[in-house]
Each structure stands twice: as structure tokens, then as C-alpha cells.
Amino acid sequence: MDIFRIERLQAERRTARQLYHEFLRVPALSAGLYELPAGGTDPQSPHTEDELYYVVAGRGAIRVGNEDAPVETDTVIYVAAGVEHRFHSITEDLSILVFFAPAETSSNPHGEEGE
């Protein structure tokens, strides 16, 4: 069994100086913590895998295809493989768990800090 604590994942992500920190990878699934600051820009592009986001904390909006929707703590968003999507209008730092199925194949799907 593997158990992950959000505070520990946040510290590891900060240490790595990346917006995205993968913490689990098995063939059928990968998972990571994605964090975007208030007023920040989401540099990601579409992925080749289905994706599920769970907003742990924060407030903003997401655009998926041609649709916009507000997001806040406890929001869950499904994005199909290949669909354009991006978080925007971030008013409170976003902390988001990201699940890819099957396991995500890009080396850095969510960009690096400073991009």
C-alpha cells in the first residue's frame, strides 16, 4: 500500500521547482499534484490520455474545449484525451490532484515554473 499526504507532495513539488509533481506511476494510471498561483498562467497543452482533476484547494476557472466553468475546492473535472483545456482566472492558489489513465506519457505535461 502507498499512502500520500498532500502537505508532503506540496513540499516535494516546491523543492523540484515544477508546477507539476508526479507521485504515482503504474501502467494503467499515473497521478500528480499540479499547483498554480493566483494570477498565474497554466502552460499545459492537450494530453494523449484521459484526465481527471480534483481541486484540493483554491479558486479559479477552467476552459475545456469551448466551455468555461468555475472551479474551487472539491471540484472534480473530467477531460477526455486530446481536448484543449487550461485553468485561468485564478483568484486563489490552486492545488490540484491530476489522474491520467492510462499512465501519462509526456515528460512534463504541465510545464515548468516561470513559463
Protein backbone atom coordinates (compact mmCIF):
# COMPACT_ATOMS: atom_id res chain seq x y z
CA MET A 1 0.00 0.00 0.00
CA ASP A 2 1.14 3.53 -0.78
CA ILE A 3 -0.21 6.48 1.17
CA PHE A 4 0.37 10.07 0.05
CA ARG A 5 -0.08 13.22 2.15
CA ILE A 6 -0.90 16.47 0.36
CA GLU A 7 1.48 18.54 2.54
CA ARG A 8 4.36 16.20 1.70
CA LEU A 9 3.52 16.26 -2.02
CA GLN A 10 3.38 20.07 -1.94
CA ALA A 11 6.82 20.23 -0.30
CA GLU A 12 8.27 17.83 -2.88
CA ARG A 13 6.76 19.87 -5.74
CA ARG A 14 8.21 23.12 -4.36
CA THR A 15 11.64 21.52 -3.92
CA ALA A 16 11.55 20.32 -7.54
CA ARG A 17 10.58 23.86 -8.66
CA GLN A 18 7.95 22.50 -11.03
CA LEU A 19 4.24 23.26 -11.34
CA TYR A 20 3.54 19.51 -11.66
CA HIS A 21 4.91 16.74 -9.44
CA GLU A 22 4.15 13.15 -10.39
CA PHE A 23 3.90 10.91 -7.33
CA LEU A 24 2.46 7.67 -8.74
CA ARG A 25 3.02 5.72 -11.94
CA VAL A 26 1.73 2.27 -12.82
CA PRO A 27 0.83 1.08 -16.34
CA ALA A 28 -2.89 1.85 -16.10
CA LEU A 29 -2.66 5.12 -14.14
CA SER A 30 -0.41 8.00 -13.16
CA ALA A 31 -1.08 10.75 -10.66
CA GLY A 32 0.47 14.06 -9.74
CA LEU A 33 -0.01 17.29 -7.87
CA TYR A 34 -0.41 20.41 -10.01
CA GLU A 35 -0.22 23.85 -8.39
CA LEU A 36 -0.86 27.22 -9.97
CA PRO A 37 -0.53 30.56 -8.13
CA ALA A 38 -3.24 33.20 -8.00
CA GLY A 39 -2.92 35.30 -11.16
CA GLY A 40 -0.74 32.61 -12.74
CA THR A 41 -0.83 31.11 -16.22
CA ASP A 42 -1.49 27.44 -16.98
CA PRO A 43 1.05 26.39 -19.68
CA GLN A 44 -0.30 22.90 -20.37
CA SER A 45 -1.38 21.51 -23.71
CA PRO A 46 -3.69 18.57 -24.54
CA HIS A 47 -2.68 15.11 -23.38
CA THR A 48 -2.95 11.74 -25.10
CA GLU A 49 -4.66 10.24 -22.04
CA ASP A 50 -7.99 10.80 -20.31
CA GLU A 51 -7.54 13.05 -17.30
CA LEU A 52 -9.35 13.64 -14.03
CA TYR A 53 -8.70 16.72 -11.89
CA TYR A 54 -9.64 17.07 -8.23
CA VAL A 55 -9.25 20.59 -6.83
CA VAL A 56 -7.83 20.21 -3.33
CA ALA A 57 -7.77 23.96 -2.66
CA GLY A 58 -8.13 27.28 -4.42
CA ARG A 59 -10.42 29.09 -6.80
CA GLY A 60 -10.39 29.95 -10.49
CA ALA A 61 -11.87 28.71 -13.74
CA ILE A 62 -11.16 26.08 -16.36
CA ARG A 63 -11.74 26.13 -20.10
CA VAL A 64 -12.32 22.72 -21.69
CA GLY A 65 -12.87 22.85 -25.43
CA ASN A 66 -15.24 25.82 -25.86
CA GLU A 67 -16.70 25.68 -22.34
CA ASP A 68 -15.69 27.67 -19.26
CA ALA A 69 -16.61 26.71 -15.72
CA PRO A 70 -15.66 27.95 -12.25
CA VAL A 71 -13.55 25.66 -10.06
CA GLU A 72 -12.99 25.68 -6.32
CA THR A 73 -12.11 23.29 -3.50
CA ASP A 74 -13.76 19.87 -4.00
CA THR A 75 -14.45 20.38 -7.73
CA VAL A 76 -13.83 17.33 -9.96
CA ILE A 77 -13.27 17.81 -13.71
CA TYR A 78 -13.00 15.13 -16.41
CA VAL A 79 -11.12 15.98 -19.62
CA ALA A 80 -11.05 13.48 -22.49
CA ALA A 81 -7.78 12.71 -24.24
CA GLY A 82 -6.78 15.26 -26.88
CA VAL A 83 -9.16 18.03 -25.74
CA GLU A 84 -7.71 21.54 -25.27
CA HIS A 85 -8.02 22.68 -21.66
CA ARG A 86 -6.50 25.25 -19.36
CA PHE A 87 -7.05 26.73 -15.92
CA HIS A 88 -7.44 30.53 -15.93
CA SER A 89 -8.73 33.48 -13.88
CA ILE A 90 -7.03 32.02 -10.81
CA THR A 91 -8.05 34.12 -7.81
CA GLU A 92 -6.75 31.79 -5.06
CA ASP A 93 -3.72 29.49 -5.39
CA LEU A 94 -4.87 26.21 -6.97
CA SER A 95 -3.71 22.85 -5.65
CA ILE A 96 -4.99 20.06 -7.91
CA LEU A 97 -4.63 16.29 -7.92
CA VAL A 98 -4.31 15.02 -11.50
CA PHE A 99 -5.03 11.44 -12.57
CA PHE A 100 -4.13 10.12 -16.04
CA ALA A 101 -5.48 6.85 -17.46
CA PRO A 102 -3.56 5.11 -18.82
CA ALA A 103 -0.33 6.47 -17.31
CA GLU A 104 0.65 9.87 -18.73
CA THR A 105 3.37 9.68 -21.38
CA SER A 106 4.74 13.25 -21.66
CA SER A 107 7.81 14.03 -19.59
CA ASN A 108 6.43 17.36 -18.34
CA PRO A 109 2.73 17.69 -19.19
CA HIS A 110 2.03 20.80 -17.16
CA GLY A 111 5.04 22.99 -17.91
CA GLU A 112 7.68 24.38 -15.61
CA GLU A 113 7.58 27.31 -13.25
CA GLY A 114 8.29 30.55 -14.98
CA GLU A 115 6.77 29.50 -18.31
